[in-house]
Amino acid sequence: MRLRPTFTPARARHYRRPGGPWDLPPLDAVLAPRSVAPVRLVDGSVRLTGPELEARVAALAGGLRARGVRRADVVAWQLPNWHESVLLYRACWRLGAVAAPLHHSWGTNEVARILDLLEPRLVLGGTGMPARDAPEAVPVRGGDGAFPSLLGTGRPVSDGGGRPTDLAVVLFTSGSTGEPKAVLHTQRSLAYKARLMAGVHGLGSDDAVLMPAPLAHVSGLLNAVLVPGAAGMSTVLMERWDPEAALTAIEAERVSYMVGPPTFFLGLMSAATFSRHRVASLRLVSSGGAGVSPAFVARATAELGCQVKRSYGSTEAPTMTTTTASDPPRQAQETDGRPVGEVELRISDPNSGRALPPGAEGELWVRGPELFAGYADAAQTREATWRGWFRTGDLARLDGERSLTIVGRIKDVIIRGGENIAAAEVEAVLEAHPSVRQAVAVGYPDERLGERVAVFVVSDDPFDLETCRAWFAERGVARFKTPELVIPVSAVPSTAAGKPDRAALKERLPA
């Protein structure tokens, strides 16, 4: 299948103007700044300097070319957070090929469906992963040494052949709303975002990022490959999340930047050997998604001893907003920040599409130069876009200062007796309680009302329904939003993207 863009964001001509956000060299050139960082990529015992990284990318690009990979061809791989993924991304972009990382946790059925869709020129797979069993797949690590030999095949490619308009990557949504969608991005949208976020966060060659999030997800791609490449900083990879191992890596590598859902940081702060001394090198944490509550920001700021930013983005529209160091406390803790770069936000009536005034709650629409180039399925693109805007499916509101607050997903709404209740609103009230560490709200069926509110709660002290009702009453929350079932849990299960696994929790509801 030849992947083609199915969407062009509004104001594309404006973005292409001289000096505009799309007036950039190919992605490979943007990711190769001069750097004084002694080590650019750390993966366990593998430590690559800038010249070593460049030499391996050039060798791999030559090997891919020798295997017949050309511009617009798809190269698919299924790996954990290994440094080989970084090499594959960079080598693909140098050739103008399309990178297609598959999540390492996918099983045989998911991998087979995606490979049938993509029809890749080449497939690579890690040990024990279904992609390794694809016809003519190249094993990565172990096996017959096919991947090292790939680096020695063909002439190294030092001069990039990619173009800013080339498709750079196909990523897959986490599937929280159904079957994963194939999200397309161009080299110019990623190059723009890489440079922008390096500047927004003030990152440079003295910084190091620790990355436990999958490199097959947009957060891992942006913050472990793109931003470090543009900033000339170091990336420290984690194959799997382990709070104690993370603390060791932070100390050893002087990690200054981390990004991810609250799950990571809650685990870090709850680790048996956690102390402020062990995370003293951290100066910036950026977190987004469900669970980023004012209480979380306050706790993380106090215990980690660094700036904690709230941010908002998606696979289709990476990091559209973020808070800043100059924001007043209320804005920094209670909102998801203001737009970055040339991003434009609009709150729309979900049914009519009519623009709503400041303070009103509705569906968030976004447009900007970092927007995706559509889904591989054009019909899905038409459903999710309107006149150059991307309809996020998120419920949100904008205040008079253009600060964004995500209220929840349109599909994460509990409908009780005809009243819409955003799960995120209920969770925010719960997580403001001093004993509650994490909460997830879901709807459970009710013959009379349709749904009622149930909550799963991780707490330090006993937190029952009576305590919950008293807390909601004290906070002045409407009675119809007050949970009617409280289920204590020791931990909240997460999806591969680090989001609360609501489907798994719903299976625990009493019959």
Protein backbone atom coordinates (compact mmCIF):
# COMPACT_ATOMS: atom_id res chain seq x y z
CA MET A 1 0.00 0.00 0.00
CA ARG A 2 1.38 3.41 -0.96
CA LEU A 3 0.52 5.76 1.91
CA ARG A 4 -0.61 9.22 0.87
CA PRO A 5 -1.63 12.33 2.82
CA THR A 6 -5.39 12.61 3.24
CA PHE A 7 -5.50 15.96 5.05
CA THR A 8 -3.99 19.42 4.67
CA PRO A 9 -4.34 21.78 7.65
CA ALA A 10 -5.95 25.17 7.19
CA ARG A 11 -3.57 28.04 6.35
CA ALA A 12 -1.09 25.68 4.65
CA ARG A 13 -0.06 28.45 2.24
CA HIS A 14 0.70 30.69 5.22
CA TYR A 15 2.84 27.94 6.81
CA ARG A 16 4.84 27.55 3.55
CA ARG A 17 5.75 31.24 3.34
CA PRO A 18 9.44 32.24 3.49
CA GLY A 19 10.42 32.19 7.15
CA GLY A 20 7.20 30.34 8.02
CA PRO A 21 6.94 27.19 10.16
CA TRP A 22 7.22 24.90 7.11
CA ASP A 23 10.19 26.75 5.63
CA LEU A 24 12.56 24.07 6.91
CA PRO A 25 15.18 21.66 5.58
CA PRO A 26 14.47 17.91 5.56
CA LEU A 27 14.00 16.29 8.96
CA ASP A 28 17.39 14.58 8.86
CA ALA A 29 19.12 17.97 8.70
CA VAL A 30 17.05 19.40 11.57
CA LEU A 31 18.06 16.48 13.80
CA ALA A 32 21.80 16.86 13.27
CA PRO A 33 22.90 20.01 15.11
CA ARG A 34 26.42 20.44 16.35
CA SER A 35 26.53 19.12 19.89
CA VAL A 36 29.07 19.02 22.69
CA ALA A 37 27.15 16.31 24.57
CA PRO A 38 29.68 13.51 25.25
CA VAL A 39 26.97 10.84 24.85
CA ARG A 40 23.88 11.28 22.70
CA LEU A 41 22.13 7.92 23.16
CA VAL A 42 22.15 5.51 26.11
CA ASP A 43 20.59 2.04 25.98
CA GLY A 44 21.83 -0.09 28.85
CA SER A 45 25.50 -0.81 28.13
CA VAL A 46 25.27 0.82 24.68
CA ARG A 47 26.49 4.42 24.78
CA LEU A 48 26.73 6.30 21.48
CA THR A 49 28.44 9.64 20.98
CA GLY A 50 27.21 12.03 18.32
CA PRO A 51 29.72 10.81 15.67
CA GLU A 52 28.99 7.17 16.53
CA LEU A 53 25.25 7.76 16.22
CA GLU A 54 25.73 9.45 12.84
CA ALA A 55 27.97 6.62 11.58
CA ARG A 56 25.40 3.97 12.50
CA VAL A 57 22.52 5.93 10.94
CA ALA A 58 24.52 6.30 7.71
CA ALA A 59 25.40 2.60 7.71
CA LEU A 60 21.82 1.53 8.37
CA ALA A 61 20.50 3.83 5.65
CA GLY A 62 22.94 2.15 3.27
CA GLY A 63 21.79 -1.27 4.40
CA LEU A 64 18.12 -0.37 3.93
CA ARG A 65 18.86 0.99 0.46
CA ALA A 66 20.69 -2.25 -0.40
CA ARG A 67 17.54 -4.13 0.63
CA GLY A 68 15.51 -2.12 -1.88
CA VAL A 69 14.09 0.59 0.38
CA ARG A 70 13.37 3.78 -1.57
CA ARG A 71 11.49 7.05 -1.04
CA ALA A 72 7.89 6.51 0.19
CA ASP A 73 8.51 2.82 0.98
CA VAL A 74 7.33 1.67 4.40
CA VAL A 75 9.76 0.11 6.88
CA ALA A 76 7.98 -1.55 9.83
CA TRP A 77 9.50 -2.78 13.06
CA GLN A 78 8.36 -4.12 16.42
CA LEU A 79 10.89 -3.49 19.17
CA PRO A 80 11.03 -2.46 22.83
CA ASN A 81 12.74 0.83 23.65
CA TRP A 82 16.02 -0.22 22.06
CA HIS A 83 18.48 2.16 20.44
CA GLU A 84 17.92 0.33 17.15
CA SER A 85 14.52 2.07 16.96
CA VAL A 86 16.20 5.47 17.01
CA LEU A 87 18.58 4.34 14.25
CA LEU A 88 15.67 3.06 12.16
CA TYR A 89 13.72 6.30 12.46
CA ARG A 90 16.71 8.38 11.42
CA ALA A 91 17.76 6.06 8.58
CA CYS A 92 14.23 5.99 7.15
CA TRP A 93 14.00 9.79 7.12
CA ARG A 94 17.41 10.07 5.47
CA LEU A 95 16.09 7.96 2.58
CA GLY A 96 12.67 9.60 2.46
CA ALA A 97 11.07 6.32 3.57
CA VAL A 98 8.13 6.02 5.97
CA ALA A 99 8.86 4.72 9.47
CA ALA A 100 6.19 2.39 10.88
CA PRO A 101 6.92 1.42 14.50
CA LEU A 102 4.57 -1.21 15.94
CA HIS A 103 3.92 -1.30 19.66
CA HIS A 104 6.02 -3.95 21.38
CA SER A 105 3.04 -5.32 23.33
CA TRP A 106 0.92 -6.10 20.27
CA GLY A 107 0.08 -9.72 19.66
CA THR A 108 -0.03 -11.80 16.50
CA ASN A 109 -3.49 -10.61 15.41
CA GLU A 110 -2.75 -6.88 15.74
CA VAL A 111 0.60 -7.18 14.00
CA ALA A 112 -0.83 -9.24 11.14
CA ARG A 113 -3.62 -6.71 10.53
CA ILE A 114 -1.24 -3.76 10.54
CA LEU A 115 1.27 -5.42 8.23
CA ASP A 116 -1.55 -6.32 5.82
CA LEU A 117 -2.57 -2.64 5.82
CA LEU A 118 0.93 -1.21 5.38
CA GLU A 119 2.48 -3.75 2.98
CA PRO A 120 5.97 -2.72 4.14
CA ARG A 121 9.10 -3.09 2.02
CA LEU A 122 10.92 -4.45 5.05
CA VAL A 123 9.93 -5.78 8.49
CA LEU A 124 12.18 -6.04 11.55
CA GLY A 125 11.35 -7.71 14.86
CA GLY A 126 12.74 -8.05 18.35
CA THR A 127 13.16 -11.28 20.28
CA GLY A 128 9.85 -13.03 20.91
CA MET A 129 7.80 -10.46 19.01
CA PRO A 130 5.26 -11.43 16.32
CA ALA A 131 6.80 -9.16 13.66
CA ARG A 132 9.92 -11.34 13.79
CA ASP A 133 7.85 -14.18 12.28
CA ALA A 134 6.77 -12.16 9.23
CA PRO A 135 8.09 -13.43 5.86
CA GLU A 136 11.72 -12.32 5.33
CA ALA A 137 11.69 -10.32 8.58
CA VAL A 138 15.07 -9.15 9.86
CA PRO A 139 15.74 -10.23 13.48
CA VAL A 140 17.07 -7.50 15.74
CA ARG A 141 19.40 -8.83 18.45
CA GLY A 142 20.03 -12.52 18.78
CA GLY A 143 19.31 -14.93 15.99
CA ASP A 144 21.62 -14.96 12.99
CA GLY A 145 23.07 -11.47 13.40
CA ALA A 146 21.02 -10.15 10.49
CA PHE A 147 20.70 -6.63 11.88
CA PRO A 148 24.45 -6.05 12.40
CA SER A 149 25.03 -7.39 8.90
CA LEU A 150 22.43 -4.94 7.61
CA LEU A 151 24.63 -2.12 8.91
CA GLY A 152 27.53 -3.50 6.91
CA THR A 153 25.63 -3.95 3.65
CA GLY A 154 25.76 -1.24 1.04
CA ARG A 155 27.52 2.09 0.98
CA PRO A 156 26.82 4.40 3.96
CA VAL A 157 24.38 7.19 3.13
CA SER A 158 25.63 10.48 4.55
CA ASP A 159 23.62 12.96 2.50
CA GLY A 160 19.91 12.96 3.22
CA GLY A 161 17.58 12.31 0.30
CA GLY A 162 14.38 13.08 2.16
CA ARG A 163 12.17 16.05 1.38
CA PRO A 164 10.15 18.17 3.82
CA THR A 165 6.93 17.11 2.10
CA ASP A 166 7.67 13.37 2.40
CA LEU A 167 5.58 11.27 4.74
CA ALA A 168 7.87 10.52 7.68
CA VAL A 169 5.96 8.18 9.95
CA VAL A 170 2.76 6.24 10.44
CA LEU A 171 1.79 5.94 14.11
CA PHE A 172 -1.18 4.17 15.58
CA THR A 173 -3.56 5.62 18.14
CA SER A 174 -3.89 3.74 21.39
CA GLY A 175 -7.32 2.49 20.37
CA SER A 176 -9.13 3.83 23.45
CA THR A 177 -12.06 4.73 21.20
CA GLY A 178 -11.97 1.53 19.12
CA GLU A 179 -9.70 0.02 16.47
CA PRO A 180 -6.35 1.86 16.28
CA LYS A 181 -6.12 4.42 13.46
CA ALA A 182 -3.06 4.87 11.23
CA VAL A 183 -1.89 8.48 11.77
CA LEU A 184 0.36 10.04 9.10
CA HIS A 185 2.91 12.81 9.68
CA THR A 186 5.20 14.56 7.22
CA GLN A 187 8.85 15.43 7.70
CA ARG A 188 8.00 19.14 7.91
CA SER A 189 5.35 18.74 10.61
CA LEU A 190 7.79 16.76 12.76
CA ALA A 191 10.75 19.04 12.02
CA TYR A 192 8.69 22.08 13.02
CA LYS A 193 7.57 20.44 16.26
CA ALA A 194 11.07 19.26 17.15
CA ARG A 195 12.59 22.73 16.88
CA LEU A 196 9.65 24.44 18.55
CA MET A 197 9.50 22.22 21.64
CA ALA A 198 13.27 22.31 22.17
CA GLY A 199 12.90 26.09 22.40
CA VAL A 200 9.68 26.08 24.43
CA HIS A 201 11.26 23.85 27.09
CA GLY A 202 14.64 25.59 26.92
CA LEU A 203 16.49 22.33 26.21
CA GLY A 204 20.08 22.13 25.03
CA SER A 205 23.20 19.97 24.88
CA ASP A 206 23.58 20.01 28.69
CA ASP A 207 20.24 18.22 29.11
CA ALA A 208 19.35 14.52 29.21
CA VAL A 209 15.89 12.97 28.94
CA LEU A 210 14.84 9.65 30.45
CA MET A 211 12.34 7.87 28.20
CA PRO A 212 10.29 4.92 29.49
CA ALA A 213 7.31 5.63 27.17
CA PRO A 214 7.20 3.48 24.01
CA LEU A 215 9.09 4.95 21.05
CA ALA A 216 6.18 3.71 18.93
CA HIS A 217 3.97 6.38 20.53
CA VAL A 218 4.04 10.06 19.67
CA SER A 219 5.33 11.08 23.10
CA GLY A 220 8.28 8.71 22.85
CA LEU A 221 9.00 9.74 19.26
CA LEU A 222 8.80 13.46 20.04
CA ASN A 223 10.71 13.48 23.30
CA ALA A 224 13.28 10.71 22.76
CA VAL A 225 14.08 11.16 19.06
CA LEU A 226 12.89 14.50 17.66
CA VAL A 227 13.44 17.05 20.43
CA PRO A 228 16.80 15.57 21.56
CA GLY A 229 17.96 15.56 17.94
CA ALA A 230 17.01 19.19 17.44
CA ALA A 231 18.45 20.28 20.81
CA GLY A 232 21.63 18.20 20.67
CA MET A 233 20.82 16.61 24.03
CA SER A 234 21.14 13.06 25.36
CA THR A 235 18.46 10.38 25.42
CA VAL A 236 18.44 7.63 28.04
CA LEU A 237 16.16 4.74 27.06
CA MET A 238 14.31 2.39 29.40
CA GLU A 239 13.17 -0.94 27.99
CA ARG A 240 10.41 -1.19 30.56
CA TRP A 241 9.16 1.07 33.34
CA ASP A 242 10.64 0.33 36.75
CA PRO A 243 10.66 3.15 39.33
CA GLU A 244 13.77 1.92 41.14
CA ALA A 245 15.67 1.51 37.86
CA ALA A 246 14.49 4.98 36.84
CA LEU A 247 15.90 6.50 40.03
CA THR A 248 19.24 4.81 39.36
CA ALA A 249 19.27 6.13 35.77
CA ILE A 250 18.36 9.66 36.84
CA GLU A 251 21.29 9.74 39.26
CA ALA A 252 23.82 8.05 36.97
CA GLU A 253 23.01 10.02 33.80
CA ARG A 254 22.14 13.35 35.44
CA VAL A 255 18.69 13.30 33.83
CA SER A 256 17.22 16.80 33.72
CA TYR A 257 13.97 16.26 31.77
CA MET A 258 11.17 13.72 31.94
CA VAL A 259 7.85 13.53 30.17
CA GLY A 260 4.94 11.14 30.49
CA PRO A 261 1.59 10.46 32.13
CA PRO A 262 1.20 10.82 35.92
CA THR A 263 1.58 7.03 36.26
CA PHE A 264 5.35 7.35 35.85
CA PHE A 265 5.82 10.10 38.40
CA LEU A 266 3.45 8.64 40.97
CA GLY A 267 5.45 5.42 40.76
CA LEU A 268 8.70 7.33 41.08
CA MET A 269 7.58 9.26 44.16
CA SER A 270 6.22 6.07 45.78
CA ALA A 271 9.40 4.04 45.22
CA ALA A 272 10.95 2.61 48.37
CA THR A 273 14.27 4.40 47.85
CA PHE A 274 12.90 7.70 46.55
CA SER A 275 14.41 10.89 47.92
CA ARG A 276 14.87 14.47 46.70
CA HIS A 277 18.60 13.82 46.57
CA ARG A 278 18.16 11.02 44.01
CA VAL A 279 16.24 13.30 41.62
CA ALA A 280 18.28 16.44 42.26
CA SER A 281 19.30 16.71 38.58
CA LEU A 282 15.67 16.98 37.40
CA ARG A 283 14.75 20.54 36.44
CA LEU A 284 11.68 19.95 34.25
CA VAL A 285 8.81 17.45 34.16
CA SER A 286 6.03 17.62 31.56
CA SER A 287 2.90 15.56 32.06
CA GLY A 288 -0.40 15.29 30.25
CA GLY A 289 -3.45 13.09 29.93
CA ALA A 290 -5.89 11.67 32.40
CA GLY A 291 -4.84 12.06 36.01
CA VAL A 292 -3.04 15.40 35.65
CA SER A 293 -4.93 17.14 38.41
CA PRO A 294 -4.06 20.22 40.48
CA ALA A 295 -3.27 17.88 43.36
CA PHE A 296 -0.85 15.88 41.22
CA VAL A 297 0.97 19.02 40.01
CA ALA A 298 1.28 20.36 43.57
CA ARG A 299 2.56 17.06 44.93
CA ALA A 300 5.02 16.45 42.08
CA THR A 301 6.38 19.99 42.33
CA ALA A 302 6.95 19.62 46.07
CA GLU A 303 8.41 16.11 46.06
CA LEU A 304 10.46 16.22 42.85
CA GLY A 305 11.71 19.73 43.54
CA CYS A 306 11.50 20.89 39.93
CA GLN A 307 9.16 22.67 37.55
CA VAL A 308 6.16 20.51 36.63
CA LYS A 309 4.38 21.51 33.44
CA ARG A 310 0.92 20.45 32.37
CA SER A 311 0.60 19.89 28.64
CA TYR A 312 -1.92 18.74 26.07
CA GLY A 313 -1.51 16.95 22.78
CA SER A 314 -2.41 13.84 20.81
CA THR A 315 -0.98 11.55 18.15
CA GLU A 316 -2.64 13.71 15.50
CA ALA A 317 -1.67 17.03 17.13
CA PRO A 318 1.46 16.70 19.31
CA THR A 319 1.89 19.06 22.30
CA MET A 320 -0.46 21.88 21.38
CA THR A 321 -0.40 23.60 24.79
CA THR A 322 1.80 23.78 27.87
CA THR A 323 2.06 25.76 31.05
CA THR A 324 5.15 27.90 31.73
CA ALA A 325 7.34 28.91 34.66
CA SER A 326 5.82 32.40 34.62
CA ASP A 327 2.22 31.20 35.02
CA PRO A 328 0.52 32.07 38.32
CA PRO A 329 -0.09 29.04 40.57
CA ARG A 330 -3.77 28.65 39.68
CA GLN A 331 -3.04 28.65 35.96
CA ALA A 332 -0.05 26.31 36.33
CA GLN A 333 -1.92 23.76 38.43
CA GLU A 334 -5.50 23.92 37.11
CA THR A 335 -5.09 24.40 33.34
CA ASP A 336 -3.30 22.57 30.55
CA GLY A 337 -1.56 25.74 29.43
CA ARG A 338 -1.72 28.08 26.46
CA PRO A 339 -1.09 27.34 22.77
CA VAL A 340 2.52 27.03 21.61
CA GLY A 341 3.86 28.36 18.32
CA GLU A 342 1.21 28.98 15.67
CA VAL A 343 -1.39 26.63 17.17
CA GLU A 344 -4.99 27.82 17.05
CA LEU A 345 -7.69 26.46 19.36
CA ARG A 346 -11.46 26.62 19.09
CA ILE A 347 -14.20 25.34 21.38
CA SER A 348 -17.15 24.13 19.30
CA ASP A 349 -20.60 22.78 19.92
CA PRO A 350 -20.13 19.01 19.36
CA ASN A 351 -23.37 18.74 17.41
CA SER A 352 -23.58 21.94 15.32
CA GLY A 353 -19.88 22.87 15.11
CA ARG A 354 -20.76 26.43 16.18
CA ALA A 355 -17.90 28.27 17.89
CA LEU A 356 -18.54 28.81 21.62
CA PRO A 357 -17.50 31.81 23.76
CA PRO A 358 -14.70 31.80 26.39
CA GLY A 359 -15.59 29.73 29.43
CA ALA A 360 -18.07 27.53 27.58
CA GLU A 361 -17.51 23.78 27.52
CA GLY A 362 -17.48 22.00 24.18
CA GLU A 363 -15.39 19.96 21.78
CA LEU A 364 -11.83 21.15 21.21
CA TRP A 365 -10.89 21.82 17.59
CA VAL A 366 -7.26 22.57 16.69
CA ARG A 367 -5.23 23.64 13.70
CA GLY A 368 -1.56 24.37 13.21
CA PRO A 369 1.57 23.43 11.27
CA GLU A 370 2.21 20.34 13.41
CA LEU A 371 -1.10 18.70 12.55
CA PHE A 372 -1.06 15.22 11.03
CA ALA A 373 -1.38 14.60 7.31
CA GLY A 374 -4.56 12.59 7.91
CA TYR A 375 -5.31 8.96 8.60
CA ALA A 376 -4.37 6.25 6.10
CA ASP A 377 -8.13 5.72 5.75
CA ALA A 378 -9.48 8.85 4.03
CA ALA A 379 -12.98 8.17 5.37
CA GLN A 380 -11.68 8.38 8.94
CA THR A 381 -9.97 11.67 8.04
CA ARG A 382 -13.19 13.18 6.70
CA GLU A 383 -15.02 12.20 9.88
CA ALA A 384 -12.41 13.79 12.17
CA THR A 385 -11.72 17.05 10.29
CA TRP A 386 -13.61 20.11 9.07
CA ARG A 387 -12.23 22.84 6.81
CA GLY A 388 -8.66 22.32 7.95
CA TRP A 389 -9.52 21.87 11.64
CA PHE A 390 -8.97 18.62 13.54
CA ARG A 391 -11.84 17.65 15.81
CA THR A 392 -10.10 16.15 18.83
CA GLY A 393 -13.06 14.47 20.51
CA ASP A 394 -11.98 16.07 23.79
CA LEU A 395 -14.29 18.13 25.97
CA ALA A 396 -12.56 21.37 26.95
CA ARG A 397 -12.92 25.04 27.74
CA LEU A 398 -10.80 28.13 27.10
CA ASP A 399 -10.66 31.00 29.54
CA GLY A 400 -10.25 34.66 28.65
CA GLU A 401 -6.44 34.30 28.64
CA ARG A 402 -6.59 31.39 26.16
CA SER A 403 -5.59 28.84 28.80
CA LEU A 404 -6.98 25.42 27.99
CA THR A 405 -8.59 23.02 30.43
CA ILE A 406 -9.38 19.51 29.23
CA VAL A 407 -12.54 18.27 30.90
CA GLY A 408 -12.53 14.76 29.43
CA ARG A 409 -13.25 12.73 26.35
CA ILE A 410 -16.65 13.07 24.75
CA LYS A 411 -16.87 9.28 25.04
CA ASP A 412 -15.66 9.43 28.68
CA VAL A 413 -18.94 11.04 29.64
CA ILE A 414 -21.26 9.30 32.09
CA ILE A 415 -24.93 10.00 31.28
CA ARG A 416 -27.00 9.78 34.44
CA GLY A 417 -30.68 10.47 34.03
CA GLY A 418 -30.00 12.62 30.97
CA GLU A 419 -27.27 14.67 32.68
CA ASN A 420 -23.76 14.53 31.19
CA ILE A 421 -20.99 13.99 33.74
CA ALA A 422 -17.35 14.23 32.61
CA ALA A 423 -15.32 11.46 34.23
CA ALA A 424 -12.33 13.81 34.48
CA GLU A 425 -14.32 16.30 36.56
CA VAL A 426 -15.25 13.63 39.09
CA GLU A 427 -11.64 12.42 39.20
CA ALA A 428 -10.31 15.91 39.81
CA VAL A 429 -12.59 16.35 42.84
CA LEU A 430 -11.50 13.02 44.27
CA GLU A 431 -7.78 13.62 43.72
CA ALA A 432 -8.04 16.91 45.61
CA HIS A 433 -8.76 14.83 48.76
CA PRO A 434 -5.59 14.56 50.88
CA SER A 435 -5.86 10.77 51.15
CA VAL A 436 -6.55 10.00 47.48
CA ARG A 437 -3.56 9.30 45.25
CA GLN A 438 -5.44 8.34 42.10
CA ALA A 439 -9.05 7.96 41.03
CA VAL A 440 -10.83 6.76 37.90
CA ALA A 441 -14.53 7.32 37.29
CA VAL A 442 -16.63 5.10 35.04
CA GLY A 443 -20.32 4.62 34.42
CA TYR A 444 -22.13 1.49 35.48
CA PRO A 445 -25.52 0.45 34.08
CA ASP A 446 -28.72 1.37 35.88
CA GLU A 447 -32.19 0.43 34.61
CA ARG A 448 -33.82 3.66 35.80
CA LEU A 449 -31.13 6.29 35.20
CA GLY A 450 -29.16 4.67 32.39
CA GLU A 451 -25.84 5.03 34.23
CA ARG A 452 -24.56 5.89 37.68
CA VAL A 453 -21.08 7.04 38.71
CA ALA A 454 -18.63 4.47 40.03
CA VAL A 455 -15.08 5.32 41.12
CA PHE A 456 -11.97 3.23 41.63
CA VAL A 457 -9.77 4.84 44.28
CA VAL A 458 -6.15 4.40 45.34
CA SER A 459 -5.82 6.02 48.78
CA ASP A 460 -3.45 6.20 51.73
CA ASP A 461 -6.29 5.92 54.27
CA PRO A 462 -9.65 4.15 54.11
CA PHE A 463 -11.93 5.96 51.65
CA ASP A 464 -15.48 4.61 51.56
CA LEU A 465 -18.75 5.83 50.04
CA GLU A 466 -19.67 7.83 53.15
CA THR A 467 -16.33 9.64 53.09
CA CYS A 468 -16.72 10.26 49.38
CA ARG A 469 -20.21 11.75 49.73
CA ALA A 470 -19.07 14.03 52.55
CA TRP A 471 -16.13 15.27 50.47
CA PHE A 472 -18.26 16.04 47.41
CA ALA A 473 -20.78 17.86 49.59
CA GLU A 474 -18.00 19.87 51.24
CA ARG A 475 -16.70 20.86 47.80
CA GLY A 476 -20.15 21.97 46.69
CA VAL A 477 -20.39 19.49 43.83
CA ALA A 478 -23.82 18.73 42.36
CA ARG A 479 -25.40 15.66 43.90
CA PHE A 480 -25.99 13.97 40.54
CA LYS A 481 -22.19 14.02 39.97
CA THR A 482 -21.42 12.42 43.33
CA PRO A 483 -20.22 8.79 43.01
CA GLU A 484 -22.67 6.12 44.12
CA LEU A 485 -20.16 3.27 44.18
CA VAL A 486 -16.61 3.43 45.58
CA ILE A 487 -14.22 0.56 44.89
CA PRO A 488 -10.84 0.70 46.69
CA VAL A 489 -7.91 -0.65 44.64
CA SER A 490 -4.19 -0.91 45.31
CA ALA A 491 -3.31 0.29 41.81
CA VAL A 492 -5.03 1.41 38.62
CA PRO A 493 -4.29 -0.72 35.54
CA SER A 494 -2.83 1.21 32.61
CA THR A 495 -2.95 0.87 28.86
CA ALA A 496 0.26 0.65 26.84
CA ALA A 497 0.11 4.44 26.50
CA GLY A 498 0.10 4.88 30.29
CA LYS A 499 -3.56 5.89 30.42
CA PRO A 500 -6.00 4.36 32.93
CA ASP A 501 -7.46 1.20 31.43
CA ARG A 502 -11.14 2.00 31.84
CA ALA A 503 -12.25 -1.12 29.99
CA ALA A 504 -10.35 -3.35 32.41
CA LEU A 505 -11.81 -1.47 35.39
CA LYS A 506 -15.35 -1.80 34.08
CA GLU A 507 -14.89 -5.56 34.08
CA ARG A 508 -14.39 -5.34 37.88
CA LEU A 509 -17.76 -3.69 38.45
CA PRO A 510 -20.22 -5.85 40.40
CA ALA A 511 -22.84 -7.57 38.28
